[in-house]
Protein backbone atom coordinates (compact mmCIF):
# COMPACT_ATOMS: atom_id res chain seq x y z
CA UNK A 1 14.75 -14.46 -12.22
CA UNK A 2 11.95 -12.24 -10.93
CA UNK A 3 10.66 -11.50 -14.44
CA UNK A 4 10.47 -15.22 -15.25
CA UNK A 5 8.48 -15.86 -12.08
CA UNK A 6 6.10 -13.03 -12.98
CA UNK A 7 5.70 -14.44 -16.48
CA UNK A 8 4.96 -17.88 -15.04
CA UNK A 9 2.34 -16.46 -12.66
CA UNK A 10 0.76 -14.44 -15.47
CA UNK A 11 0.51 -17.51 -17.72
CA UNK A 12 -0.97 -19.61 -14.91
CA UNK A 13 -3.59 -16.94 -14.23
CA UNK A 14 -4.48 -16.82 -17.91
CA UNK A 15 -4.82 -20.60 -18.03
CA UNK A 16 -7.02 -20.82 -14.93
CA UNK A 17 -9.21 -17.78 -15.56
CA UNK A 18 -9.20 -16.66 -19.19
CA UNK A 19 -10.55 -13.12 -19.20
CA UNK A 20 -11.04 -12.71 -22.92
CA UNK A 21 -13.93 -11.25 -24.88
CA UNK A 22 -15.87 -13.98 -26.63
CA UNK A 23 -18.11 -12.35 -29.25
CA UNK A 24 -20.11 -15.52 -29.90
CA UNK A 25 -21.60 -15.14 -26.41
CA UNK A 26 -22.84 -11.62 -27.16
CA UNK A 27 -23.68 -11.75 -30.86
CA UNK A 28 -27.37 -11.30 -31.62
CA UNK A 29 -28.55 -13.17 -34.69
CA UNK A 30 -31.87 -11.44 -35.17
CA UNK A 31 -35.32 -11.38 -33.65
CA UNK A 32 -36.25 -14.42 -31.65
CA UNK A 33 -39.49 -16.37 -31.38
CA UNK A 34 -41.03 -13.97 -28.83
CA UNK A 35 -40.67 -11.06 -31.24
CA UNK A 36 -42.24 -13.06 -34.07
CA UNK A 37 -45.14 -14.04 -31.82
CA UNK A 38 -45.83 -10.42 -30.85
CA UNK A 39 -45.80 -9.30 -34.48
CA UNK A 40 -48.17 -12.08 -35.51
CA UNK A 41 -50.61 -11.19 -32.71
CA UNK A 42 -50.53 -7.49 -33.65
CA UNK A 43 -51.14 -8.30 -37.32
CA UNK A 44 -54.14 -10.58 -36.67
CA UNK A 45 -56.30 -7.91 -35.07
CA UNK A 46 -55.63 -5.25 -37.74
CA UNK A 47 -56.70 -7.36 -40.73
CA UNK A 48 -60.21 -8.07 -39.36
CA UNK A 49 -61.09 -4.39 -39.00
CA UNK A 50 -60.18 -3.32 -42.52
């Protein structure tokens, strides 16, 4: 009886507050627009001096 109550409580906790790792929230897909902007600004000044 006690083990079934514990199992019920555990399943209710999991349903209310799922504490699972979700990789799609942490996956980086590559450099973003800010990185591209910095690289383009750095490249503009170097080509004029050469």
